[in-house]
């Protein structure tokens, strides 16, 4: 059957991998979008670079084949929500972050189906997310505009908003302080009496 064909790498590594400024920028992007490594950034960058390269190529061509490919490119980018027009100028303005915004992981978080971008990734890889009737467990899956409303969690997840957690914690703290004040107001004799009752319960238990 022959040797299997080696898959070609679909992204380009930085020419200067240890450049401090680039590393700082990539670290911030990875944190913002919940990426596990910089390779995910390089893949998104390579894709947007190809889109821009195609746009520059089609701007200087007038033949029928180029017009056909230009129409296909613009239709594709509109479909996945990267642009809202049929202008090549908009394609030239695309950034890496624009494509990262269309990842399933980001869309899940933006829709409020997860508290954090990292939690959104966990839901996806654990198979809790559906796009339409299909379970998708790939965080980098690019969401089409028409599919956004069909995204849902497979089962009811107990998601407590950070603000609610803080409010609950504050309430518990206030109740603890109130109880302590009430205990401090009691006479020493009452405290000893309660302690004896508690000790008696423990011995009988």
Protein backbone atom coordinates (compact mmCIF):
# COMPACT_ATOMS: atom_id res chain seq x y z
CA UNK A 1 0.00 0.00 0.00
CA UNK A 2 3.03 2.25 0.29
CA UNK A 3 4.09 4.67 2.98
CA UNK A 4 1.44 7.03 4.31
CA UNK A 5 1.88 10.56 3.06
CA UNK A 6 3.41 12.85 5.65
CA UNK A 7 1.01 15.63 6.54
CA UNK A 8 2.26 19.09 5.82
CA UNK A 9 2.39 21.53 8.71
CA UNK A 10 -0.44 24.03 8.34
CA UNK A 11 1.22 26.91 10.13
CA UNK A 12 4.49 28.82 10.17
CA UNK A 13 6.69 29.17 13.22
CA UNK A 14 8.05 32.63 14.09
CA UNK A 15 11.39 33.43 12.49
CA UNK A 16 12.68 34.73 15.82
CA UNK A 17 11.12 32.39 18.44
CA UNK A 18 12.70 34.09 21.46
CA UNK A 19 11.81 37.70 20.69
CA UNK A 20 10.61 39.17 24.00
CA UNK A 21 7.99 41.54 22.55
CA UNK A 22 6.33 38.81 20.51
CA UNK A 23 6.34 36.37 23.44
CA UNK A 24 4.65 38.98 25.64
CA UNK A 25 1.96 39.60 23.01
CA UNK A 26 1.36 35.88 22.49
CA UNK A 27 1.13 35.25 26.23
CA UNK A 28 -1.56 37.93 26.54
CA UNK A 29 -3.51 36.48 23.60
CA UNK A 30 -3.24 32.93 24.98
CA UNK A 31 -4.57 34.12 28.35
CA UNK A 32 -7.43 36.07 26.77
CA UNK A 33 -8.63 33.18 24.60
CA UNK A 34 -7.77 30.29 26.93
CA UNK A 35 -5.24 28.71 24.57
CA UNK A 36 -3.08 25.85 25.85
CA UNK A 37 -0.03 26.69 23.73
CA UNK A 38 1.30 29.25 21.27
CA UNK A 39 0.88 26.81 18.38
CA UNK A 40 -2.85 27.66 18.37
CA UNK A 41 -1.96 31.31 17.84
CA UNK A 42 0.43 30.45 15.00
CA UNK A 43 -2.28 28.40 13.27
CA UNK A 44 -4.78 31.26 13.47
CA UNK A 45 -2.16 33.73 12.25
CA UNK A 46 -1.25 31.52 9.29
CA UNK A 47 -4.91 31.27 8.27
CA UNK A 48 -5.50 35.01 8.40
CA UNK A 49 -2.23 35.56 6.51
CA UNK A 50 -3.51 33.27 3.74
CA UNK A 51 -6.80 35.16 3.59
CA UNK A 52 -4.97 38.49 3.23
CA UNK A 53 -2.57 37.06 0.67
CA UNK A 54 -5.51 35.85 -1.42
CA UNK A 55 -7.19 39.25 -1.19
CA UNK A 56 -4.05 41.05 -2.42
CA UNK A 57 -3.76 38.59 -5.30
CA UNK A 58 -7.38 39.04 -6.41
CA UNK A 59 -7.19 42.84 -6.22
CA UNK A 60 -4.71 42.84 -9.09
CA UNK A 61 -6.51 40.28 -11.27
CA UNK A 62 -9.43 40.80 -13.63
CA UNK A 63 -9.80 37.40 -15.30
CA UNK A 64 -12.88 35.24 -14.79
CA UNK A 65 -11.10 32.60 -12.71
CA UNK A 66 -9.80 35.19 -10.25
CA UNK A 67 -13.24 36.77 -9.98
CA UNK A 68 -14.71 33.35 -9.20
CA UNK A 69 -12.15 32.64 -6.48
CA UNK A 70 -12.58 36.13 -5.04
CA UNK A 71 -16.33 35.58 -4.76
CA UNK A 72 -15.75 32.22 -3.08
CA UNK A 73 -13.30 33.72 -0.57
CA UNK A 74 -15.62 36.58 0.37
CA UNK A 75 -18.59 34.21 0.70
CA UNK A 76 -16.59 31.90 2.96
CA UNK A 77 -15.39 34.72 5.23
CA UNK A 78 -18.92 36.11 5.48
CA UNK A 79 -20.23 32.67 6.35
CA UNK A 80 -17.89 32.25 9.32
CA UNK A 81 -18.46 35.81 10.50
CA UNK A 82 -15.00 37.23 9.83
CA UNK A 83 -16.36 40.05 7.64
CA UNK A 84 -19.80 41.58 7.12
CA UNK A 85 -19.26 42.86 3.60
CA UNK A 86 -18.02 41.82 0.17
CA UNK A 87 -14.98 44.06 0.24
CA UNK A 88 -11.41 42.86 -0.17
CA UNK A 89 -10.30 45.85 1.89
CA UNK A 90 -12.01 44.30 4.91
CA UNK A 91 -10.11 41.07 4.30
CA UNK A 92 -6.82 42.98 4.30
CA UNK A 93 -7.70 44.40 7.73
CA UNK A 94 -8.18 40.98 9.34
CA UNK A 95 -6.17 40.21 12.47
CA UNK A 96 -5.33 36.96 14.24
CA UNK A 97 -7.72 37.89 17.06
CA UNK A 98 -10.62 38.14 14.58
CA UNK A 99 -10.31 34.43 13.80
CA UNK A 100 -9.81 33.51 17.47
CA UNK A 101 -13.14 35.22 18.20
CA UNK A 102 -14.87 32.70 15.92
CA UNK A 103 -13.57 29.65 17.79
CA UNK A 104 -16.21 27.54 19.55
CA UNK A 105 -14.41 28.08 22.86
CA UNK A 106 -14.67 31.87 22.55
CA UNK A 107 -18.28 31.84 21.33
CA UNK A 108 -19.35 29.60 24.24
CA UNK A 109 -17.82 32.08 26.69
CA UNK A 110 -19.23 35.18 24.94
CA UNK A 111 -22.73 33.62 25.00
CA UNK A 112 -22.52 33.22 28.77
CA UNK A 113 -22.61 29.41 28.72
CA UNK A 114 -19.43 29.30 30.80
CA UNK A 115 -18.07 31.49 33.60
CA UNK A 116 -14.53 31.64 32.22
CA UNK A 117 -12.79 31.04 28.91
CA UNK A 118 -10.98 28.07 30.47
CA UNK A 119 -14.23 26.57 31.71
CA UNK A 120 -15.59 26.87 28.17
CA UNK A 121 -12.68 24.74 26.96
CA UNK A 122 -13.39 22.12 29.64
CA UNK A 123 -17.05 21.87 28.64
CA UNK A 124 -16.05 21.33 25.01
CA UNK A 125 -13.31 18.72 25.47
CA UNK A 126 -15.51 16.77 27.92
CA UNK A 127 -18.25 16.50 25.30
CA UNK A 128 -20.82 18.77 26.96
CA UNK A 129 -21.33 21.07 23.94
CA UNK A 130 -23.59 20.63 20.92
CA UNK A 131 -23.70 22.62 17.70
CA UNK A 132 -27.08 21.76 16.27
CA UNK A 133 -27.54 18.00 16.66
CA UNK A 134 -23.81 17.31 16.68
CA UNK A 135 -21.47 17.06 19.66
CA UNK A 136 -18.29 19.07 19.02
CA UNK A 137 -15.29 18.47 21.29
CA UNK A 138 -12.77 20.64 19.45
CA UNK A 139 -12.23 24.09 21.06
CA UNK A 140 -10.74 25.52 17.84
CA UNK A 141 -13.82 24.60 15.76
CA UNK A 142 -14.79 27.69 13.72
CA UNK A 143 -18.43 28.67 14.17
CA UNK A 144 -20.50 29.85 11.22
CA UNK A 145 -22.86 32.77 11.79
CA UNK A 146 -25.93 30.64 11.08
CA UNK A 147 -24.85 28.10 13.71
CA UNK A 148 -24.41 30.46 16.66
CA UNK A 149 -28.02 30.16 17.87
CA UNK A 150 -27.84 26.35 17.76
CA UNK A 151 -24.98 26.12 20.28
CA UNK A 152 -26.06 24.61 23.59
CA UNK A 153 -24.88 22.50 26.50
CA UNK A 154 -25.89 18.84 26.28
CA UNK A 155 -27.20 18.77 29.85
CA UNK A 156 -28.12 21.33 32.46
CA UNK A 157 -24.89 22.56 34.01
CA UNK A 158 -24.84 24.23 37.41
CA UNK A 159 -23.21 27.52 36.42
CA UNK A 160 -22.99 30.12 39.18
CA UNK A 161 -21.95 33.56 38.06
CA UNK A 162 -18.87 35.01 39.83
CA UNK A 163 -20.98 37.92 41.14
CA UNK A 164 -23.46 35.47 42.67
CA UNK A 165 -20.66 33.50 44.32
CA UNK A 166 -19.28 36.68 45.83
CA UNK A 167 -22.73 37.68 47.06
CA UNK A 168 -23.31 34.26 48.66
CA UNK A 169 -19.91 34.36 50.33
CA UNK A 170 -20.61 37.84 51.71
CA UNK A 171 -23.96 36.67 53.07
CA UNK A 172 -22.39 33.67 54.84
CA UNK A 173 -19.72 35.94 56.32
CA UNK A 174 -22.33 38.39 57.65
CA UNK A 175 -24.28 35.55 59.27
CA UNK A 176 -21.12 34.24 60.94
CA UNK A 177 -20.32 37.67 62.39
CA UNK A 178 -23.89 38.04 63.64
CA UNK A 179 -23.79 34.63 65.34
CA UNK A 180 -20.46 35.43 66.99
CA UNK A 181 -21.83 38.67 68.40
CA UNK A 182 -24.82 36.83 69.84
CA UNK A 183 -22.53 34.28 71.48
CA UNK A 184 -20.35 37.02 72.97
CA UNK A 185 -23.41 38.65 74.55
CA UNK A 186 -24.31 35.49 76.50
CA UNK A 187 -23.32 35.27 80.17
CA UNK A 188 -20.39 33.00 81.08
CA UNK A 189 -22.78 30.74 83.04
CA UNK A 190 -24.96 30.24 79.95
CA UNK A 191 -21.94 29.38 77.84
CA UNK A 192 -20.77 26.77 80.38
CA UNK A 193 -24.27 25.29 80.51
CA UNK A 194 -24.35 24.93 76.71
CA UNK A 195 -20.88 23.38 76.70
CA UNK A 196 -22.00 20.78 79.29
CA UNK A 197 -25.02 19.89 77.17
CA UNK A 198 -22.80 19.45 74.10
CA UNK A 199 -20.34 17.28 76.07
CA UNK A 200 -23.22 15.13 77.34
CA UNK A 201 -24.48 14.62 73.77
CA UNK A 202 -21.04 13.50 72.60
CA UNK A 203 -20.70 11.01 75.51
CA UNK A 204 -24.15 9.51 74.85
CA UNK A 205 -23.43 9.39 71.11
